[in-house]
N, C-alpha and C. Protein backbone atom coordinates (compact mmCIF):
# COMPACT_ATOMS: atom_id res chain seq x y z
N MET A 1 -14.67 12.74 -4.60
CA MET A 1 -14.97 13.21 -5.91
C MET A 1 -13.88 12.52 -6.84
N SER A 2 -14.10 12.00 -7.74
CA SER A 2 -13.17 11.24 -8.69
C SER A 2 -12.35 12.38 -9.44
N PHE A 3 -11.16 12.06 -9.67
CA PHE A 3 -10.44 13.04 -10.31
C PHE A 3 -10.85 13.52 -11.64
N HIS A 4 -11.51 12.79 -12.48
CA HIS A 4 -11.84 12.77 -13.73
C HIS A 4 -13.11 13.82 -13.93
N VAL A 5 -13.72 14.15 -12.81
CA VAL A 5 -14.89 14.82 -12.64
C VAL A 5 -14.53 16.53 -12.64
N SER A 6 -13.22 16.74 -12.28
CA SER A 6 -12.99 18.28 -12.21
C SER A 6 -11.66 18.54 -13.10
N ALA A 7 -11.09 17.40 -13.61
CA ALA A 7 -9.88 17.45 -14.29
C ALA A 7 -10.18 17.93 -15.75
N GLU A 8 -9.13 18.53 -16.44
CA GLU A 8 -9.28 18.99 -17.98
C GLU A 8 -8.00 18.17 -18.50
N ASN A 9 -8.17 18.04 -19.69
CA ASN A 9 -7.18 17.52 -20.78
C ASN A 9 -6.44 16.37 -20.23
N ILE A 10 -7.40 15.46 -19.74
CA ILE A 10 -6.73 13.97 -19.22
C ILE A 10 -6.25 13.13 -20.30
N ARG A 11 -5.15 12.72 -20.15
CA ARG A 11 -4.56 12.02 -21.41
C ARG A 11 -3.39 10.99 -20.74
N VAL A 12 -3.07 10.03 -21.72
CA VAL A 12 -1.99 9.07 -21.31
C VAL A 12 -0.87 9.32 -22.22
N ASP A 13 0.22 9.66 -21.81
CA ASP A 13 1.34 9.87 -22.76
C ASP A 13 2.47 8.77 -22.60
N ASP A 14 3.21 8.49 -23.84
CA ASP A 14 4.01 7.20 -23.82
C ASP A 14 3.70 6.04 -23.23
N GLY A 15 2.32 5.85 -23.27
CA GLY A 15 1.66 4.64 -22.83
C GLY A 15 1.73 4.28 -21.19
N HIS A 16 2.24 5.38 -20.71
CA HIS A 16 2.20 5.15 -19.25
C HIS A 16 2.14 6.27 -18.11
N ILE A 17 2.14 7.43 -18.73
CA ILE A 17 2.10 8.67 -17.94
C ILE A 17 0.72 9.33 -18.07
N LEU A 18 -0.04 9.20 -16.92
CA LEU A 18 -1.33 9.78 -16.84
C LEU A 18 -1.01 11.19 -16.57
N ARG A 19 -1.69 12.22 -17.44
CA ARG A 19 -1.47 13.63 -17.23
C ARG A 19 -2.85 14.15 -17.26
N ALA A 20 -2.90 15.41 -16.48
CA ALA A 20 -4.37 16.13 -16.44
C ALA A 20 -3.94 17.58 -15.80
N ALA A 21 -4.68 18.33 -15.99
CA ALA A 21 -4.94 19.76 -15.29
C ALA A 21 -5.87 19.45 -14.40
N LEU A 22 -5.27 19.85 -12.91
CA LEU A 22 -6.36 19.49 -11.77
C LEU A 22 -6.34 20.98 -11.13
N ARG A 23 -7.56 21.20 -10.58
CA ARG A 23 -7.85 22.33 -9.87
C ARG A 23 -7.18 22.12 -8.37
N ASN A 24 -6.60 23.24 -7.86
CA ASN A 24 -6.19 23.44 -6.45
C ASN A 24 -7.22 23.68 -5.70
N GLU A 25 -7.01 24.07 -4.39
CA GLU A 25 -8.06 24.86 -3.45
C GLU A 25 -8.29 25.94 -3.86
N ASN A 26 -7.45 26.65 -4.45
CA ASN A 26 -7.83 28.26 -5.16
C ASN A 26 -8.63 28.15 -6.41
N GLY A 27 -8.77 26.96 -6.96
CA GLY A 27 -9.39 26.96 -8.27
C GLY A 27 -8.32 27.08 -9.39
N ASP A 28 -7.31 27.18 -9.22
CA ASP A 28 -6.32 27.36 -10.11
C ASP A 28 -6.02 25.91 -10.91
N LEU A 29 -5.79 25.96 -12.26
CA LEU A 29 -5.50 24.62 -12.77
C LEU A 29 -3.91 24.41 -12.81
N ASN A 30 -3.50 23.22 -12.53
CA ASN A 30 -2.01 22.92 -12.21
C ASN A 30 -2.13 21.58 -13.04
N GLU A 31 -0.87 21.51 -13.92
CA GLU A 31 -0.56 20.32 -14.67
C GLU A 31 0.12 19.48 -13.73
N THR A 32 -0.40 18.12 -13.57
CA THR A 32 0.16 16.98 -12.76
C THR A 32 0.29 15.79 -13.54
N GLU A 33 1.00 14.82 -13.03
CA GLU A 33 1.18 13.61 -13.72
C GLU A 33 1.63 12.55 -12.82
N ILE A 34 1.32 11.19 -13.03
CA ILE A 34 1.58 10.22 -12.38
C ILE A 34 2.01 9.00 -13.34
N ASP A 35 3.14 8.13 -13.13
CA ASP A 35 3.60 7.31 -13.70
C ASP A 35 2.81 5.93 -13.53
N LEU A 36 1.82 5.43 -14.31
CA LEU A 36 1.15 4.36 -14.09
C LEU A 36 1.92 3.04 -13.99
N ASN A 37 3.09 3.03 -14.44
CA ASN A 37 3.88 1.74 -14.42
C ASN A 37 4.34 1.65 -12.95
N ASN A 38 4.18 2.61 -12.12
CA ASN A 38 4.41 2.50 -10.70
C ASN A 38 3.47 1.92 -9.94
N CYS A 39 2.16 1.88 -10.51
CA CYS A 39 1.09 1.35 -9.70
C CYS A 39 0.50 0.23 -10.28
N LEU A 40 0.62 0.01 -11.61
CA LEU A 40 -0.15 -1.05 -12.43
C LEU A 40 0.88 -1.97 -13.09
N GLY A 41 0.51 -3.35 -12.95
CA GLY A 41 1.54 -4.47 -13.48
C GLY A 41 0.61 -5.15 -14.65
N ASN A 42 1.04 -6.21 -14.95
CA ASN A 42 0.57 -7.06 -15.94
C ASN A 42 0.71 -8.50 -15.30
N ASN A 43 -0.41 -9.08 -14.76
CA ASN A 43 -0.44 -10.42 -14.27
C ASN A 43 -1.09 -11.39 -15.18
N ASP A 44 -0.31 -12.17 -15.88
CA ASP A 44 -0.93 -13.20 -17.00
C ASP A 44 -1.80 -12.43 -18.01
N GLY A 45 -1.61 -11.47 -18.50
CA GLY A 45 -2.56 -10.66 -19.41
C GLY A 45 -3.54 -9.91 -18.60
N HIS A 46 -3.73 -9.57 -17.53
CA HIS A 46 -4.56 -8.76 -16.94
C HIS A 46 -3.97 -7.55 -15.92
N PHE A 47 -4.52 -6.46 -15.96
CA PHE A 47 -4.04 -5.34 -15.20
C PHE A 47 -3.81 -5.76 -13.73
N GLU A 48 -2.96 -5.40 -12.94
CA GLU A 48 -2.82 -5.80 -11.52
C GLU A 48 -2.48 -4.50 -10.80
N TRP A 49 -3.38 -3.94 -9.90
CA TRP A 49 -3.13 -2.88 -8.97
C TRP A 49 -1.90 -3.21 -8.06
N ASN A 50 -1.24 -2.26 -7.74
CA ASN A 50 -0.15 -2.33 -7.04
C ASN A 50 0.96 -3.22 -7.57
N GLY A 51 0.92 -3.39 -8.64
CA GLY A 51 1.94 -3.84 -9.58
C GLY A 51 2.85 -2.83 -10.24
N ASN A 52 3.57 -3.37 -11.14
CA ASN A 52 4.45 -2.12 -11.67
C ASN A 52 4.74 -2.60 -13.07
N GLY A 53 5.19 -1.55 -13.95
CA GLY A 53 5.83 -1.96 -15.32
C GLY A 53 4.89 -2.47 -16.35
N TYR A 54 3.48 -2.27 -16.25
CA TYR A 54 2.73 -2.88 -17.03
C TYR A 54 3.02 -2.58 -18.59
N SER A 55 3.44 -1.33 -18.93
CA SER A 55 3.55 -0.98 -20.28
C SER A 55 4.73 -1.62 -20.90
N ASN A 56 5.47 -2.41 -20.24
CA ASN A 56 6.57 -2.96 -20.98
C ASN A 56 6.22 -4.18 -21.61
N SER A 57 5.07 -4.67 -21.14
CA SER A 57 4.52 -5.94 -21.82
C SER A 57 3.16 -5.76 -22.28
N ALA A 58 2.84 -4.44 -22.94
CA ALA A 58 1.64 -4.19 -23.64
C ALA A 58 1.64 -3.29 -24.92
N GLU A 59 0.67 -3.28 -25.62
CA GLU A 59 0.68 -2.64 -26.90
C GLU A 59 -0.80 -2.09 -26.96
N ASP A 60 -0.95 -1.22 -28.07
CA ASP A 60 -2.33 -0.50 -28.27
C ASP A 60 -2.64 0.09 -26.84
N ILE A 61 -2.02 0.82 -26.20
CA ILE A 61 -2.61 1.31 -24.82
C ILE A 61 -3.22 2.73 -25.24
N HIS A 62 -4.47 3.00 -24.89
CA HIS A 62 -4.96 4.12 -24.90
C HIS A 62 -6.06 4.42 -23.82
N PHE A 63 -6.32 5.56 -23.61
CA PHE A 63 -7.08 6.17 -22.60
C PHE A 63 -8.32 6.91 -23.12
N SER A 64 -9.47 6.60 -22.44
CA SER A 64 -10.58 7.35 -22.88
C SER A 64 -11.85 7.67 -21.83
N ILE A 65 -12.58 8.59 -21.93
CA ILE A 65 -13.76 8.73 -20.98
C ILE A 65 -14.88 8.17 -21.74
N GLU A 66 -15.50 7.27 -20.99
CA GLU A 66 -16.75 6.36 -22.00
C GLU A 66 -18.06 6.53 -21.09
N GLY A 67 -19.03 6.19 -22.05
CA GLY A 67 -20.47 5.99 -21.63
C GLY A 67 -21.10 7.16 -21.07
N GLY A 68 -22.30 7.03 -20.64
CA GLY A 68 -23.13 8.09 -20.14
C GLY A 68 -22.48 8.51 -18.79
N ASP A 69 -21.98 7.82 -18.16
CA ASP A 69 -21.48 8.25 -16.84
C ASP A 69 -20.14 8.78 -16.78
N ASN A 70 -19.48 8.85 -18.17
CA ASN A 70 -18.01 9.46 -18.41
C ASN A 70 -17.04 8.80 -17.44
N VAL A 71 -16.96 7.36 -17.61
CA VAL A 71 -16.10 6.80 -16.76
C VAL A 71 -14.72 6.65 -17.62
N PRO A 72 -13.61 6.95 -16.84
CA PRO A 72 -12.34 6.90 -17.16
C PRO A 72 -11.79 5.41 -17.57
N ILE A 73 -11.45 5.26 -18.48
CA ILE A 73 -10.88 3.83 -18.89
C ILE A 73 -9.58 3.86 -19.58
N LEU A 74 -8.91 2.88 -19.11
CA LEU A 74 -7.35 2.59 -19.84
C LEU A 74 -7.45 1.11 -20.34
N ARG A 75 -7.22 1.03 -21.48
CA ARG A 75 -7.33 -0.31 -22.44
C ARG A 75 -5.98 -0.61 -22.87
N ALA A 76 -5.55 -1.60 -23.05
CA ALA A 76 -4.38 -2.25 -23.54
C ALA A 76 -4.30 -3.63 -23.87
N ARG A 77 -3.62 -4.02 -24.70
CA ARG A 77 -3.57 -5.58 -25.23
C ARG A 77 -2.23 -5.68 -24.30
N LEU A 78 -2.56 -6.69 -23.36
CA LEU A 78 -1.56 -7.13 -22.37
C LEU A 78 -1.21 -8.67 -22.57
N PHE A 79 0.06 -8.71 -22.67
CA PHE A 79 0.63 -9.99 -23.18
C PHE A 79 0.74 -10.97 -21.94
N ASN A 80 0.36 -12.22 -22.15
CA ASN A 80 0.53 -13.19 -21.11
C ASN A 80 1.92 -13.69 -21.21
N LEU A 81 2.55 -13.23 -19.92
CA LEU A 81 4.18 -13.53 -19.97
C LEU A 81 4.58 -14.88 -19.74
N GLY A 82 3.41 -15.62 -19.30
CA GLY A 82 3.67 -17.10 -19.00
C GLY A 82 3.53 -18.05 -20.28
N VAL A 83 3.40 -17.64 -21.34
CA VAL A 83 3.29 -18.36 -22.49
C VAL A 83 3.91 -17.73 -23.68
N SER A 84 4.08 -18.66 -24.92
CA SER A 84 4.72 -18.23 -25.95
C SER A 84 3.91 -16.94 -26.48
N THR A 85 4.84 -16.02 -26.80
CA THR A 85 4.46 -14.69 -27.40
C THR A 85 3.63 -14.74 -28.74
N SER A 86 3.54 -15.97 -29.29
CA SER A 86 2.72 -16.31 -30.43
C SER A 86 1.26 -16.31 -30.25
N PHE A 87 0.89 -16.48 -28.78
CA PHE A 87 -0.49 -16.36 -28.57
C PHE A 87 -1.07 -14.92 -28.64
N PRO A 88 -2.21 -14.51 -28.89
CA PRO A 88 -2.70 -13.36 -28.81
C PRO A 88 -2.77 -12.78 -27.49
N ALA A 89 -2.59 -11.64 -27.47
CA ALA A 89 -2.48 -10.85 -26.14
C ALA A 89 -4.10 -10.51 -25.67
N ARG A 90 -4.37 -10.40 -24.39
CA ARG A 90 -5.65 -10.05 -23.94
C ARG A 90 -5.81 -8.86 -23.97
N GLN A 91 -7.07 -8.09 -24.09
CA GLN A 91 -7.46 -6.82 -23.91
C GLN A 91 -7.81 -6.64 -22.50
N GLY A 92 -7.16 -5.52 -21.73
CA GLY A 92 -7.52 -5.45 -20.47
C GLY A 92 -8.10 -4.06 -20.24
N GLN A 93 -8.77 -3.62 -19.13
CA GLN A 93 -9.13 -2.44 -18.93
C GLN A 93 -9.19 -2.17 -17.42
N ILE A 94 -9.17 -0.92 -17.03
CA ILE A 94 -9.00 -0.64 -15.57
C ILE A 94 -10.22 0.70 -15.43
């Protein structure tokens, strides 16, 4: 089961800390967090799994649950680090 199905109060703080209240095996809610900078990177303006530090080259970072299937989406403007910063950033999502 995906975490967002049973989680409550899912949010991203400081642009990279995913926090939520998750139920343990007894049904009790526990606050937990994961630093997305430890598992997501920015590869030429695209999110990259198993990367790191994506938020250091991103702006307009936001998280939401979207659509009829309630899919968790992280969106950000990710800068393409290989070109001049005068070019617009790309919008990425995971």
